Protein backbone atom coordinates (compact mmCIF):
# COMPACT_ATOMS: atom_id res chain seq x y z
CA MET A 1 -1.88 21.08 22.58
CA ARG A 2 -4.51 23.09 21.14
CA ILE A 3 -7.32 21.09 20.01
CA ALA A 4 -9.81 21.94 17.73
CA VAL A 5 -13.49 21.38 17.44
CA VAL A 6 -15.24 20.52 14.87
CA GLU A 7 -19.28 20.49 14.39
CA GLU A 8 -21.15 19.78 11.24
CA GLY A 9 -17.46 20.70 8.98
CA ILE A 10 -16.82 23.90 11.04
CA VAL A 11 -14.22 24.44 13.49
CA THR A 12 -16.25 25.51 16.51
CA ASN A 13 -13.44 26.16 19.22
CA ILE A 14 -10.24 25.90 19.83
CA ILE A 15 -9.19 24.50 23.26
CA GLU A 16 -5.71 23.64 25.39
CA ALA A 17 -6.05 20.24 26.65
CA ASN A 18 -3.54 17.73 27.61
CA MET A 19 -5.38 14.84 25.46
CA MET A 20 -7.23 14.80 22.08
CA TYR A 21 -11.18 13.83 23.60
CA ALA A 22 -14.53 14.03 22.09
CA ASP A 23 -16.80 16.62 23.71
CA ASN A 24 -20.83 15.21 23.72
CA GLN A 25 -19.69 13.16 20.41
CA LYS A 26 -17.90 16.10 18.70
CA PRO A 27 -14.92 15.47 16.25
CA CYS A 28 -11.60 16.84 18.27
CA TYR A 29 -8.62 17.69 16.36
CA ASP A 30 -5.32 18.20 16.97
CA TRP A 31 -4.99 21.79 15.95
CA THR A 32 -1.57 21.66 14.92
CA GLU A 33 -2.17 18.69 12.44
CA LEU A 34 -4.79 21.27 10.44
CA ARG A 35 -2.76 22.33 7.41
CA GLU A 36 -3.70 26.18 7.77
CA PRO A 37 -2.94 28.51 10.66
CA TYR A 38 -7.13 28.74 10.84
CA THR A 39 -9.52 27.79 8.81
CA ASP A 40 -13.48 27.15 9.50
CA VAL A 41 -13.75 24.12 7.09
CA GLU A 42 -13.07 20.76 8.18
CA PRO A 43 -9.99 19.19 6.29
CA LEU A 44 -10.87 16.90 4.00
CA GLU A 45 -8.78 13.60 5.53
CA HIS A 46 -10.37 14.26 8.73
CA ALA A 47 -13.79 14.17 7.25
CA LYS A 48 -12.90 11.37 5.33
CA ALA A 49 -11.94 9.53 8.95
CA ARG A 50 -15.11 11.00 10.31
CA TYR A 51 -17.06 9.41 7.25
CA ILE A 52 -15.74 6.05 7.68
CA VAL A 53 -15.96 5.67 11.67
CA ALA A 54 -19.91 6.80 11.05
CA ALA A 55 -20.49 3.84 8.52
CA LYS A 56 -19.07 1.79 10.77
CA ALA A 57 -20.75 2.37 13.89
CA TYR A 58 -23.89 2.11 11.59
CA ARG A 59 -22.57 -1.61 10.20
CA ASP A 60 -21.63 -2.68 13.59
CA ALA A 61 -25.06 -1.33 15.60
CA GLN A 62 -27.33 -3.01 12.72
CA GLU A 63 -25.06 -6.42 13.66
CA VAL A 64 -27.03 -6.52 16.81
CA ALA A 65 -30.20 -5.87 15.69
CA VAL A 66 -33.38 -7.65 16.27
CA ILE A 67 -33.46 -11.07 14.18
CA THR A 68 -36.49 -11.82 12.71
CA TYR A 69 -37.18 -15.44 12.06
CA ASN A 70 -40.86 -17.60 11.79
CA GLY A 71 -42.17 -14.40 12.44
CA ASN A 72 -40.77 -13.63 15.90
CA ASN A 73 -38.13 -11.18 16.55
CA TYR A 74 -34.81 -12.63 18.64
CA ASP A 75 -32.47 -10.35 20.03
CA TYR A 76 -29.28 -10.83 18.85
CA ASP A 77 -27.11 -8.45 20.75
CA TYR A 78 -23.68 -9.76 22.22
CA LYS A 79 -25.30 -11.47 25.49
CA ALA A 80 -28.44 -12.66 23.32
CA ARG A 81 -25.67 -14.42 20.90
CA GLU A 82 -24.12 -16.22 23.71
CA ARG A 83 -27.41 -17.34 24.85
CA LEU A 84 -28.20 -18.60 21.62
CA ARG A 85 -25.21 -20.22 20.93
CA VAL A 86 -25.07 -22.31 24.53
CA ALA A 87 -28.84 -23.44 23.78
CA ARG A 88 -27.89 -24.59 20.29
CA GLN A 89 -25.14 -26.53 21.86
CA MET A 90 -26.96 -27.84 24.64
CA LEU A 91 -29.25 -29.55 22.02
CA THR A 92 -26.41 -30.83 20.22
CA ASP A 93 -24.75 -32.50 23.00
CA LYS A 94 -27.65 -33.99 24.85
CA ILE A 95 -28.82 -37.06 23.76
CA GLY A 96 -32.45 -37.07 23.18
CA ALA A 97 -33.06 -33.74 23.70
CA THR A 98 -36.43 -32.02 23.75
CA PRO A 99 -37.06 -28.43 22.05
CA ILE A 100 -36.72 -25.63 24.62
CA ASN A 101 -38.95 -22.79 25.40
CA TRP A 102 -37.18 -19.39 24.21
CA THR A 103 -38.52 -15.80 25.09
CA THR A 104 -38.24 -13.46 21.62
CA ALA A 105 -37.47 -10.06 22.08
CA ASP A 106 -41.02 -9.10 22.72
CA ASN A 107 -41.00 -11.42 25.57
CA THR A 108 -43.30 -14.26 23.53
CA ASP A 109 -42.41 -17.24 24.44
CA VAL A 110 -41.84 -20.27 21.83
CA THR A 111 -40.28 -23.43 21.13
CA LEU A 112 -36.92 -23.89 19.60
CA THR A 113 -35.56 -26.78 18.20
CA ILE A 114 -31.80 -27.34 16.87
CA ASP A 115 -32.99 -26.31 13.84
CA ASP A 116 -34.52 -22.99 14.31
CA PHE A 117 -31.47 -22.02 15.99
CA ALA A 118 -29.46 -23.23 13.19
CA ALA A 119 -31.80 -21.29 11.15
CA ILE A 120 -31.29 -17.78 13.23
CA ASN A 121 -27.85 -18.18 12.88
CA ILE A 122 -27.75 -18.27 9.10
CA LEU A 123 -29.68 -15.65 9.21
CA ALA A 124 -27.42 -13.53 11.45
CA ALA A 125 -24.12 -14.67 9.67
CA THR A 126 -26.12 -13.88 5.96
CA ARG A 127 -26.84 -10.14 7.27
CA SER A 128 -23.41 -9.86 8.94
CA ASN A 129 -21.81 -10.98 5.79
CA ASP A 130 -23.78 -8.30 3.57
CA LEU A 131 -23.48 -5.18 6.13
CA HIS A 132 -19.42 -5.72 6.41
CA VAL A 133 -19.60 -6.02 2.11
CA ALA A 134 -21.61 -3.06 2.26
CA TYR A 135 -19.65 -1.48 4.76
CA ARG A 136 -16.17 -1.88 2.67
CA THR A 137 -17.93 -0.79 -0.38
CA THR A 138 -18.55 2.67 0.76
CA LYS A 139 -15.58 2.46 2.90
CA ALA A 140 -13.98 2.90 -0.34
CA GLN A 141 -16.03 4.92 -1.81
CA LEU A 142 -15.37 7.28 0.89
CA GLU A 143 -11.52 6.77 0.62
CA ALA A 144 -11.44 7.58 -2.96
CA ALA A 145 -13.90 11.05 -2.51
CA THR A 146 -11.85 14.38 -3.69
CA SER A 147 -14.47 16.35 -1.70
CA ILE A 148 -16.39 16.86 1.42
CA LYS A 149 -19.77 17.77 -0.94
CA GLU A 150 -18.50 13.97 -2.60
CA LEU A 151 -18.85 12.14 1.08
CA LYS A 152 -21.99 13.53 1.88
CA GLN A 153 -23.61 11.85 -1.15
CA ILE A 154 -22.11 8.95 -0.85
CA TYR A 155 -22.89 8.69 2.95
CA PRO A 156 -25.27 11.11 4.38
CA LEU A 157 -24.66 11.65 7.88
CA LYS A 158 -27.87 11.87 10.19
CA GLY A 159 -28.23 13.96 12.84
């Protein structure tokens, strides 16, 4: 299979490979899918897909970013979310449970109640919903774009 390696919208290399792959996060496309025998401009449909993937990756990264509550920062990656969920459930299940000590993202010890855990969860759920609404709006705009210039205006890629 011939693969086209695209960097900044320009085909930089054409290689033979058994399957598609990304070399250092560079988009690669099956050369036979390109509409012309040779082009130095990335096809619009490929660019749209690349921009949509970038917008989704940004959303996903922001969903696991630190949550700030009562002036403290709390980790909110997958592991931290599970720990928060288990601690909140423990406070719910244990009759007469007292608040528990928790270590924040910047290694400060704080005491949290079930209401604190609920507030952190509400902040995270609200942020997640806002991120998903923004992503869906951006994705619809990217899908409707008619040029690469328009894609760049809708969602400027960094890097």
